[in-house]
Every structure is written in C-alpha cells, then in structure tokens.
PDB file of N, CA and C in Angstrom:
ATOM      1  N   MET A   1      32.704 224.581 -83.021  1.00  0.00           N
ATOM      2  CA  MET A   1      33.029 223.918 -84.312  1.00  0.00           C
ATOM      3  C   MET A   1      34.069 224.580 -85.000  1.00  0.00           C
ATOM      4  N   ILE A   2      33.899 225.965 -85.091  1.00  0.00           N
ATOM      5  CA  ILE A   2      34.781 226.901 -85.789  1.00  0.00           C
ATOM      6  C   ILE A   2      36.188 226.873 -85.025  1.00  0.00           C
ATOM      7  N   GLY A   3      36.217 226.855 -83.703  1.00  0.00           N
ATOM      8  CA  GLY A   3      37.415 226.853 -82.960  1.00  0.00           C
ATOM      9  C   GLY A   3      37.985 225.583 -83.151  1.00  0.00           C
ATOM     10  N   ARG A   4      37.479 224.416 -83.129  1.00  0.00           N
ATOM     11  CA  ARG A   4      38.258 223.071 -83.279  1.00  0.00           C
ATOM     12  C   ARG A   4      38.773 223.195 -84.757  1.00  0.00           C
ATOM     13  N   ARG A   5      38.164 223.574 -85.633  1.00  0.00           N
ATOM     14  CA  ARG A   5      38.591 223.578 -87.035  1.00  0.00           C
ATOM     15  C   ARG A   5      39.898 224.432 -87.097  1.00  0.00           C
ATOM     16  N   TYR A   6      39.807 225.530 -86.453  1.00  0.00           N
ATOM     17  CA  TYR A   6      41.110 226.512 -86.451  1.00  0.00           C
ATOM     18  C   TYR A   6      42.123 225.849 -85.605  1.00  0.00           C
ATOM     19  N   LEU A   7      42.034 225.172 -84.557  1.00  0.00           N
ATOM     20  CA  LEU A   7      43.055 224.546 -83.921  1.00  0.00           C
ATOM     21  C   LEU A   7      43.683 223.386 -84.686  1.00  0.00           C
ATOM     22  N   ARG A   8      42.892 222.738 -85.337  1.00  0.00           N
ATOM     23  CA  ARG A   8      43.335 221.654 -86.244  1.00  0.00           C
ATOM     24  C   ARG A   8      44.087 222.227 -87.466  1.00  0.00           C
ATOM     25  N   GLY A   9      43.679 223.388 -87.833  1.00  0.00           N
ATOM     26  CA  GLY A   9      44.368 223.854 -89.114  1.00  0.00           C
ATOM     27  C   GLY A   9      45.372 224.702 -88.988  1.00  0.00           C
ATOM     28  N   ASN A  10      45.117 225.956 -88.858  1.00  0.00           N
ATOM     29  CA  ASN A  10      46.134 227.180 -88.969  1.00  0.00           C
ATOM     30  C   ASN A  10      46.728 227.734 -87.435  1.00  0.00           C
ATOM     31  N   PHE A  11      46.108 227.074 -86.572  1.00  0.00           N
ATOM     32  CA  PHE A  11      46.619 227.771 -85.246  1.00  0.00           C
ATOM     33  C   PHE A  11      48.058 227.631 -85.017  1.00  0.00           C
ATOM     34  N   ALA A  12      48.580 226.497 -85.174  1.00  0.00           N
ATOM     35  CA  ALA A  12      50.110 226.297 -84.949  1.00  0.00           C
ATOM     36  C   ALA A  12      50.861 227.326 -85.785  1.00  0.00           C
ATOM     37  N   ILE A  13      50.641 227.670 -87.149  1.00  0.00           N
ATOM     38  CA  ILE A  13      51.300 228.487 -87.801  1.00  0.00           C
ATOM     39  C   ILE A  13      51.151 229.807 -87.376  1.00  0.00           C
ATOM     40  N   ASP A  14      49.925 230.317 -86.801  1.00  0.00           N
ATOM     41  CA  ASP A  14      49.636 231.800 -86.499  1.00  0.00           C
ATOM     42  C   ASP A  14      50.351 231.809 -85.169  1.00  0.00           C
ATOM     43  N   LEU A  15      50.417 230.908 -84.246  1.00  0.00           N
ATOM     44  CA  LEU A  15      51.022 230.892 -82.815  1.00  0.00           C
ATOM     45  C   LEU A  15      52.275 231.175 -83.245  1.00  0.00           C
ATOM     46  N   ILE A  16      53.120 230.373 -84.051  1.00  0.00           N
ATOM     47  CA  ILE A  16      54.756 230.585 -84.064  1.00  0.00           C
ATOM     48  C   ILE A  16      54.926 231.800 -84.718  1.00  0.00           C
ATOM     49  N   SER A  17      54.239 232.351 -85.710  1.00  0.00           N
ATOM     50  CA  SER A  17      54.513 233.466 -86.358  1.00  0.00           C
ATOM     51  C   SER A  17      54.203 234.702 -85.534  1.00  0.00           C
ATOM     52  N   SER A  18      53.356 234.710 -84.530  1.00  0.00           N
ATOM     53  CA  SER A  18      52.969 235.910 -83.824  1.00  0.00           C
ATOM     54  C   SER A  18      53.693 236.048 -82.283  1.00  0.00           C
ATOM     55  N   VAL A  19      54.405 235.015 -81.971  1.00  0.00           N
ATOM     56  CA  VAL A  19      55.151 235.077 -80.815  1.00  0.00           C
ATOM     57  C   VAL A  19      56.498 235.958 -81.061  1.00  0.00           C
ATOM     58  N   PRO A  20      56.709 237.089 -80.161  1.00  0.00           N
ATOM     59  CA  PRO A  20      57.983 237.715 -80.453  1.00  0.00           C
ATOM     60  C   PRO A  20      59.253 236.953 -79.791  1.00  0.00           C
ATOM     61  N   TRP A  21      59.697 236.094 -80.622  1.00  0.00           N
ATOM     62  CA  TRP A  21      60.754 235.008 -80.154  1.00  0.00           C
ATOM     63  C   TRP A  21      62.050 235.868 -79.633  1.00  0.00           C
ATOM     64  N   ASN A  22      62.510 236.755 -80.383  1.00  0.00           N
ATOM     65  CA  ASN A  22      63.765 237.608 -79.897  1.00  0.00           C
ATOM     66  C   ASN A  22      63.538 238.062 -78.655  1.00  0.00           C
ATOM     67  N   ALA A  23      62.421 238.661 -78.287  1.00  0.00           N
ATOM     68  CA  ALA A  23      62.253 239.226 -76.875  1.00  0.00           C
ATOM     69  C   ALA A  23      62.264 238.203 -75.732  1.00  0.00           C
ATOM     70  N   LEU A  24      61.587 236.901 -76.159  1.00  0.00           N
ATOM     71  CA  LEU A  24      61.643 235.935 -75.164  1.00  0.00           C
ATOM     72  C   LEU A  24      62.886 235.446 -74.757  1.00  0.00           C
ATOM     73  N   PHE A  25      63.821 235.382 -75.798  1.00  0.00           N
ATOM     74  CA  PHE A  25      65.101 234.616 -75.799  1.00  0.00           C
ATOM     75  C   PHE A  25      66.240 235.738 -75.549  1.00  0.00           C
ATOM     76  N   ARG A  26      66.064 236.864 -75.619  1.00  0.00           N
ATOM     77  CA  ARG A  26      67.046 238.014 -75.503  1.00  0.00           C
ATOM     78  C   ARG A  26      68.326 237.692 -76.266  1.00  0.00           C
ATOM     79  N   VAL A  27      68.147 237.452 -77.625  1.00  0.00           N
ATOM     80  CA  VAL A  27      69.131 237.129 -78.505  1.00  0.00           C
ATOM     81  C   VAL A  27      69.833 238.301 -78.992  1.00  0.00           C
ATOM     82  N   GLY A  28      71.268 238.390 -79.136  1.00  0.00           N
ATOM     83  CA  GLY A  28      71.892 239.642 -79.581  1.00  0.00           C
ATOM     84  C   GLY A  28      71.618 239.896 -81.076  1.00  0.00           C
ATOM     85  N   GLU A  29      72.119 240.930 -81.609  1.00  0.00           N
ATOM     86  CA  GLU A  29      71.838 241.530 -83.003  1.00  0.00           C
ATOM     87  C   GLU A  29      72.139 240.556 -84.039  1.00  0.00           C
ATOM     88  N   ALA A  30      73.454 239.915 -83.966  1.00  0.00           N
ATOM     89  CA  ALA A  30      73.751 239.030 -84.962  1.00  0.00           C
ATOM     90  C   ALA A  30      73.698 237.670 -84.676  1.00  0.00           C
ATOM     91  N   GLY A  31      74.002 236.909 -85.640  1.00  0.00           N
ATOM     92  CA  GLY A  31      73.979 235.416 -85.390  1.00  0.00           C
ATOM     93  C   GLY A  31      72.958 234.717 -86.187  1.00  0.00           C
ATOM     94  N   LEU A  32      73.211 233.350 -86.407  1.00  0.00           N
ATOM     95  CA  LEU A  32      72.185 232.673 -87.169  1.00  0.00           C
ATOM     96  C   LEU A  32      70.825 232.377 -86.395  1.00  0.00           C
ATOM     97  N   PHE A  33      71.119 232.168 -85.086  1.00  0.00           N
ATOM     98  CA  PHE A  33      69.679 231.953 -84.303  1.00  0.00           C
ATOM     99  C   PHE A  33      69.012 233.033 -84.285  1.00  0.00           C
ATOM    100  N   SER A  34      69.371 234.369 -84.309  1.00  0.00           N
ATOM    101  CA  SER A  34      68.565 235.538 -84.148  1.00  0.00           C
ATOM    102  C   SER A  34      68.029 235.631 -85.664  1.00  0.00           C
ATOM    103  N   PHE A  35      68.674 235.343 -86.840  1.00  0.00           N
ATOM    104  CA  PHE A  35      68.149 235.392 -87.987  1.00  0.00           C
ATOM    105  C   PHE A  35      67.129 234.225 -88.088  1.00  0.00           C
ATOM    106  N   ILE A  36      67.126 233.156 -87.685  1.00  0.00           N
ATOM    107  CA  ILE A  36      66.079 232.025 -87.580  1.00  0.00           C
ATOM    108  C   ILE A  36      64.785 232.601 -86.977  1.00  0.00           C
ATOM    109  N   LEU A  37      65.068 233.218 -85.810  1.00  0.00           N
ATOM    110  CA  LEU A  37      63.987 233.696 -84.966  1.00  0.00           C
ATOM    111  C   LEU A  37      63.246 234.917 -85.649  1.00  0.00           C
ATOM    112  N   ASP A  38      63.899 235.618 -86.405  1.00  0.00           N
ATOM    113  CA  ASP A  38      63.280 236.665 -87.169  1.00  0.00           C
ATOM    114  C   ASP A  38      62.578 236.138 -88.311  1.00  0.00           C
ATOM    115  N   ALA A  39      63.018 235.115 -88.899  1.00  0.00           N
ATOM    116  CA  ALA A  39      62.415 234.380 -90.133  1.00  0.00           C
ATOM    117  C   ALA A  39      61.126 233.731 -89.756  1.00  0.00           C
ATOM    118  N   LEU A  40      61.021 233.448 -88.596  1.00  0.00           N
ATOM    119  CA  LEU A  40      59.816 232.848 -88.041  1.00  0.00           C
ATOM    120  C   LEU A  40      58.600 233.765 -88.309  1.00  0.00           C
ATOM    121  N   GLY A  41      58.898 235.048 -88.236  1.00  0.00           N
ATOM    122  CA  GLY A  41      57.888 236.147 -88.560  1.00  0.00           C
ATOM    123  C   GLY A  41      57.249 235.941 -90.072  1.00  0.00           C
ATOM    124  N   LEU A  42      58.172 235.504 -90.867  1.00  0.00           N
ATOM    125  CA  LEU A  42      57.736 235.476 -92.244  1.00  0.00           C
ATOM    126  C   LEU A  42      56.542 234.419 -92.505  1.00  0.00           C
ATOM    127  N   LEU A  43      56.197 233.759 -91.449  1.00  0.00           N
ATOM    128  CA  LEU A  43      55.115 232.501 -91.629  1.00  0.00           C
ATOM    129  C   LEU A  43      53.907 233.417 -91.595  1.00  0.00           C
ATOM    130  N   LYS A  44      53.873 234.679 -91.337  1.00  0.00           N
ATOM    131  CA  LYS A  44      52.717 235.432 -91.424  1.00  0.00           C
ATOM    132  C   LYS A  44      52.264 235.481 -92.778  1.00  0.00           C
ATOM    133  N   LEU A  45      53.024 235.384 -93.819  1.00  0.00           N
ATOM    134  CA  LEU A  45      52.750 235.613 -95.140  1.00  0.00           C
ATOM    135  C   LEU A  45      51.898 234.373 -95.615  1.00  0.00           C
ATOM    136  N   LEU A  46      51.835 233.368 -95.008  1.00  0.00           N
ATOM    137  CA  LEU A  46      51.170 232.174 -95.141  1.00  0.00           C
ATOM    138  C   LEU A  46      49.552 232.488 -94.988  1.00  0.00           C
ATOM    139  N   ARG A  47      49.349 233.565 -94.199  1.00  0.00           N
ATOM    140  CA  ARG A  47      47.902 233.814 -94.166  1.00  0.00           C
ATOM    141  C   ARG A  47      47.416 234.533 -95.308  1.00  0.00           C
ATOM    142  N   LEU A  48      48.213 235.028 -96.162  1.00  0.00           N
ATOM    143  CA  LEU A  48      47.656 235.538 -97.548  1.00  0.00           C
ATOM    144  C   LEU A  48      47.103 234.476 -98.373  1.00  0.00           C
ATOM    145  N   SER A  49      47.545 233.197 -98.286  1.00  0.00           N
ATOM    146  CA  SER A  49      47.127 232.234 -98.983  1.00  0.00           C
ATOM    147  C   SER A  49      45.679 231.894 -98.587  1.00  0.00           C
ATOM    148  N   ARG A  50      45.193 232.013 -97.504  1.00  0.00           N
ATOM    149  CA  ARG A  50      43.848 231.763 -97.091  1.00  0.00           C
ATOM    150  C   ARG A  50      42.972 232.703 -97.729  1.00  0.00           C
ATOM    151  N   LEU A  51      43.393 233.954 -98.306  1.00  0.00           N
ATOM    152  CA  LEU A  51      42.522 234.845 -98.928  1.00  0.00           C
ATOM    153  C   LEU A  51      41.936 234.359-100.108  1.00  0.00           C
ATOM    154  N   TYR A  52      42.759 233.450-100.940  1.00  0.00           N
ATOM    155  CA  TYR A  52      42.407 232.981-102.254  1.00  0.00           C
ATOM    156  C   TYR A  52      41.168 232.088-101.920  1.00  0.00           C
ATOM    157  N   SER A  53      41.215 231.238-100.943  1.00  0.00           N
ATOM    158  CA  SER A  53      40.062 230.150-100.774  1.00  0.00           C
ATOM    159  C   SER A  53      38.906 230.966-100.251  1.00  0.00           C
ATOM    160  N   THR A  54      39.129 232.059 -99.520  1.00  0.00           N
ATOM    161  CA  THR A  54      37.842 232.928 -99.039  1.00  0.00           C
ATOM    162  C   THR A  54      37.294 233.314-100.085  1.00  0.00           C
ATOM    163  N   VAL A  55      37.842 233.922-100.988  1.00  0.00           N
ATOM    164  CA  VAL A  55      37.353 234.559-102.207  1.00  0.00           C
ATOM    165  C   VAL A  55      36.580 233.396-103.060  1.00  0.00           C
ATOM    166  N   GLN A  56      37.143 232.386-103.144  1.00  0.00           N
ATOM    167  CA  GLN A  56      36.587 231.389-104.025  1.00  0.00           C
ATOM    168  C   GLN A  56      35.300 230.831-103.398  1.00  0.00           C
ATOM    169  N   ARG A  57      35.201 230.664-102.002  1.00  0.00           N
ATOM    170  CA  ARG A  57      34.058 230.269-101.475  1.00  0.00           C
ATOM    171  C   ARG A  57      32.849 231.376-101.101  1.00  0.00           C
ATOM    172  N   SER A  58      33.240 232.572-101.488  1.00  0.00           N
ATOM    173  CA  SER A  58      32.283 233.669-101.084  1.00  0.00           C
ATOM    174  C   SER A  58      31.068 233.598-102.227  1.00  0.00           C
ATOM    175  N   ASN A  59      29.984 234.254-101.776  1.00  0.00           N
ATOM    176  CA  ASN A  59      28.808 234.263-102.509  1.00  0.00           C
ATOM    177  C   ASN A  59      28.741 235.603-103.340  1.00  0.00           C
ATOM    178  N   LEU A  60      29.873 236.140-103.746  1.00  0.00           N
ATOM    179  CA  LEU A  60      29.855 237.311-104.539  1.00  0.00           C
ATOM    180  C   LEU A  60      29.538 236.932-106.057  1.00  0.00           C
ATOM    181  N   ALA A  61      29.294 237.858-106.839  1.00  0.00           N
ATOM    182  CA  ALA A  61      29.093 237.705-108.243  1.00  0.00           C
ATOM    183  C   ALA A  61      30.343 237.509-108.921  1.00  0.00           C
ATOM    184  N   GLN A  62      30.315 236.716-109.951  1.00  0.00           N
ATOM    185  CA  GLN A  62      31.486 236.325-110.514  1.00  0.00           C
ATOM    186  C   GLN A  62      32.444 237.480-111.158  1.00  0.00           C
ATOM    187  N   ASP A  63      31.809 238.420-111.501  1.00  0.00           N
ATOM    188  CA  ASP A  63      32.763 239.650-111.961  1.00  0.00           C
ATOM    189  C   ASP A  63      33.442 240.244-110.983  1.00  0.00           C
ATOM    190  N   ILE A  64      32.854 240.371-109.743  1.00  0.00           N
ATOM    191  CA  ILE A  64      33.553 240.809-108.409  1.00  0.00           C
ATOM    192  C   ILE A  64      34.735 240.072-108.085  1.00  0.00           C
ATOM    193  N   LYS A  65      34.354 238.552-108.134  1.00  0.00           N
ATOM    194  CA  LYS A  65      35.499 237.731-107.787  1.00  0.00           C
ATOM    195  C   LYS A  65      36.747 237.713-108.777  1.00  0.00           C
ATOM    196  N   VAL A  66      36.381 238.050-109.917  1.00  0.00           N
ATOM    197  CA  VAL A  66      37.663 238.328-111.003  1.00  0.00           C
ATOM    198  C   VAL A  66      38.416 239.389-110.586  1.00  0.00           C
ATOM    199  N   TYR A  67      37.695 240.620-110.186  1.00  0.00           N
ATOM    200  CA  TYR A  67      38.437 241.730-109.742  1.00  0.00           C
ATOM    201  C   TYR A  67      39.357 241.492-108.326  1.00  0.00           C
ATOM    202  N   LEU A  68      38.624 240.774-107.501  1.00  0.00           N
ATOM    203  CA  LEU A  68      39.403 240.570-106.390  1.00  0.00           C
ATOM    204  C   LEU A  68      40.585 239.595-106.559  1.00  0.00           C
ATOM    205  N   LYS A  69      40.502 238.604-107.592  1.00  0.00           N
ATOM    206  CA  LYS A  69      41.607 237.782-107.847  1.00  0.00           C
ATOM    207  C   LYS A  69      42.605 238.697-108.567  1.00  0.00           C
ATOM    208  N   VAL A  70      42.301 239.573-109.307  1.00  0.00           N
ATOM    209  CA  VAL A  70      43.374 240.426-109.860  1.00  0.00           C
ATOM    210  C   VAL A  70      44.070 241.393-108.764  1.00  0.00           C
ATOM    211  N   VAL A  71      43.355 241.852-107.991  1.00  0.00           N
ATOM    212  CA  VAL A  71      43.915 242.581-106.772  1.00  0.00           C
ATOM    213  C   VAL A  71      44.734 241.621-105.877  1.00  0.00           C
ATOM    214  N   MET A  72      44.392 240.438-105.706  1.00  0.00           N
ATOM    215  CA  MET A  72      45.221 239.472-104.895  1.00  0.00           C
ATOM    216  C   MET A  72      46.481 239.348-105.650  1.00  0.00           C
ATOM    217  N   MET A  73      46.423 239.032-107.044  1.00  0.00           N
ATOM    218  CA  MET A  73      47.608 238.670-107.772  1.00  0.00           C
ATOM    219  C   MET A  73      48.566 239.781-107.637  1.00  0.00           C
ATOM    220  N   ALA A  74      48.051 241.024-107.701  1.00  0.00           N
ATOM    221  CA  ALA A  74      48.805 242.197-107.595  1.00  0.00           C
ATOM    222  C   ALA A  74      49.524 242.238-106.227  1.00  0.00           C
ATOM    223  N   ILE A  75      48.793 241.858-105.206  1.00  0.00           N
ATOM    224  CA  ILE A  75      49.328 242.000-103.876  1.00  0.00           C
ATOM    225  C   ILE A  75      50.468 240.876-103.677  1.00  0.00           C
ATOM    226  N   PHE A  76      50.041 239.635-104.166  1.00  0.00           N
ATOM    227  CA  PHE A  76      51.031 238.641-104.087  1.00  0.00           C
ATOM    228  C   PHE A  76      52.427 239.131-104.946  1.00  0.00           C
ATOM    229  N   LEU A  77      52.228 239.624-106.204  1.00  0.00           N
ATOM    230  CA  LEU A  77      53.508 240.109-106.868  1.00  0.00           C
ATOM    231  C   LEU A  77      54.199 241.103-106.000  1.00  0.00           C
ATOM    232  N   LEU A  78      53.552 242.258-105.428  1.00  0.00           N
ATOM    233  CA  LEU A  78      54.292 243.114-104.500  1.00  0.00           C
ATOM    234  C   LEU A  78      55.135 242.430-103.463  1.00  0.00           C
ATOM    235  N   VAL A  79      54.387 241.633-102.636  1.00  0.00           N
ATOM    236  CA  VAL A  79      54.997 240.783-101.745  1.00  0.00           C
ATOM    237  C   VAL A  79      56.210 239.960-102.194  1.00  0.00           C
ATOM    238  N   PHE A  80      55.904 239.342-103.353  1.00  0.00           N
ATOM    239  CA  PHE A  80      57.079 238.493-103.810  1.00  0.00           C
ATOM    240  C   PHE A  80      58.284 239.360-104.282  1.00  0.00           C
ATOM    241  N   MET A  81      58.101 240.447-104.997  1.00  0.00           N
ATOM    242  CA  MET A  81      59.064 241.362-105.280  1.00  0.00           C
ATOM    243  C   MET A  81      59.834 241.938-104.089  1.00  0.00           C
ATOM    244  N   HIS A  82      59.091 242.367-102.820  1.00  0.00           N
ATOM    245  CA  HIS A  82      59.651 242.586-101.904  1.00  0.00           C
ATOM    246  C   HIS A  82      60.671 241.733-101.067  1.00  0.00           C
ATOM    247  N   VAL A  83      60.071 240.434-101.133  1.00  0.00           N
ATOM    248  CA  VAL A  83      61.088 239.608-100.432  1.00  0.00           C
ATOM    249  C   VAL A  83      62.235 239.192-101.288  1.00  0.00           C
ATOM    250  N   LEU A  84      62.180 239.019-102.656  1.00  0.00           N
ATOM    251  CA  LEU A  84      63.198 238.915-103.330  1.00  0.00           C
ATOM    252  C   LEU A  84      64.243 240.140-103.218  1.00  0.00           C
ATOM    253  N   SER A  85      63.741 241.227-103.200  1.00  0.00           N
ATOM    254  CA  SER A  85      64.656 242.478-102.846  1.00  0.00           C
ATOM    255  C   SER A  85      65.440 242.470-101.674  1.00  0.00           C
ATOM    256  N   CYS A  86      64.511 241.916-100.606  1.00  0.00           N
ATOM    257  CA  CYS A  86      65.372 241.850 -99.355  1.00  0.00           C
ATOM    258  C   CYS A  86      66.350 240.767 -99.413  1.00  0.00           C
ATOM    259  N   ILE A  87      66.090 239.591-100.010  1.00  0.00           N
ATOM    260  CA  ILE A  87      67.065 238.606-100.333  1.00  0.00           C
ATOM    261  C   ILE A  87      68.292 239.272-100.985  1.00  0.00           C
ATOM    262  N   TRP A  88      68.012 239.920-102.106  1.00  0.00           N
ATOM    263  CA  TRP A  88      69.102 240.410-102.792  1.00  0.00           C
ATOM    264  C   TRP A  88      69.953 241.415-102.155  1.00  0.00           C
ATOM    265  N   PHE A  89      69.257 242.328-101.228  1.00  0.00           N
ATOM    266  CA  PHE A  89      70.066 243.190-100.438  1.00  0.00           C
ATOM    267  C   PHE A  89      70.785 242.450 -99.378  1.00  0.00           C
ATOM    268  N   PHE A  90      70.426 241.344 -98.930  1.00  0.00           N
ATOM    269  CA  PHE A  90      71.110 240.436 -97.931  1.00  0.00           C
ATOM    270  C   PHE A  90      72.330 239.884 -98.497  1.00  0.00           C
ATOM    271  N   ILE A  91      72.282 239.545 -99.747  1.00  0.00           N
ATOM    272  CA  ILE A  91      73.305 238.831-100.491  1.00  0.00           C
ATOM    273  C   ILE A  91      74.334 239.854-100.712  1.00  0.00           C
ATOM    274  N   VAL A  92      74.002 241.088-101.359  1.00  0.00           N
ATOM    275  CA  VAL A  92      74.939 241.975-101.729  1.00  0.00           C
ATOM    276  C   VAL A  92      75.578 242.659-100.606  1.00  0.00           C
ATOM    277  N   PHE A  93      74.960 242.957 -99.661  1.00  0.00           N
ATOM    278  CA  PHE A  93      75.500 243.816 -98.466  1.00  0.00           C
ATOM    279  C   PHE A  93      75.773 242.977 -97.444  1.00  0.00           C
TER     280      PHE A  93
END
C-alpha cells in the first residue's frame, strides 16, 4: 500500500530529479539544453515541502512541533536565499 501511494504521488518527481541526465546524454558544458538538464536537479527541493506535512501529522507534542516549524522556516529561508543568490550571480556574470 505504501509503495502504490508513492508510485502515484512523488515517484515521478524523485525519479526525474535523481537521474544524472548530463551523464546519460553527454551534453557539453554550455548551452540551453545542458542548463535545462542541470535545472532538473532542482526538483529535489520539492522534497522539502513533504517535511511540513510530516511534522503536521506527527504525534509529537505541540511545543516540539512549533520548534520544528521554526527550524523548517529557517531552512526554507536559507534555501530561498541561496537560490536567489545563484540567480543573481547568473544574471550579473
């Protein structure tokens, strides 16, 4: 039952983000196609969104859930700042 739910849900996203597409297609360093293949790895960030629902459904005490939500918010903020910094670096240079 768990396997079926995973196959219907997040399996496609996990599969696409985990395959080393550049190694399979032997794409050169530059080019739009290479950039798109590298960007497919960003789908791994969608795994972080599952963390929120896991904390919500957990049987932990409410005060521990609050601390975990604060930690998750800090992680999301750091990831967001990192992605924006990378975009800024890509635009400027």
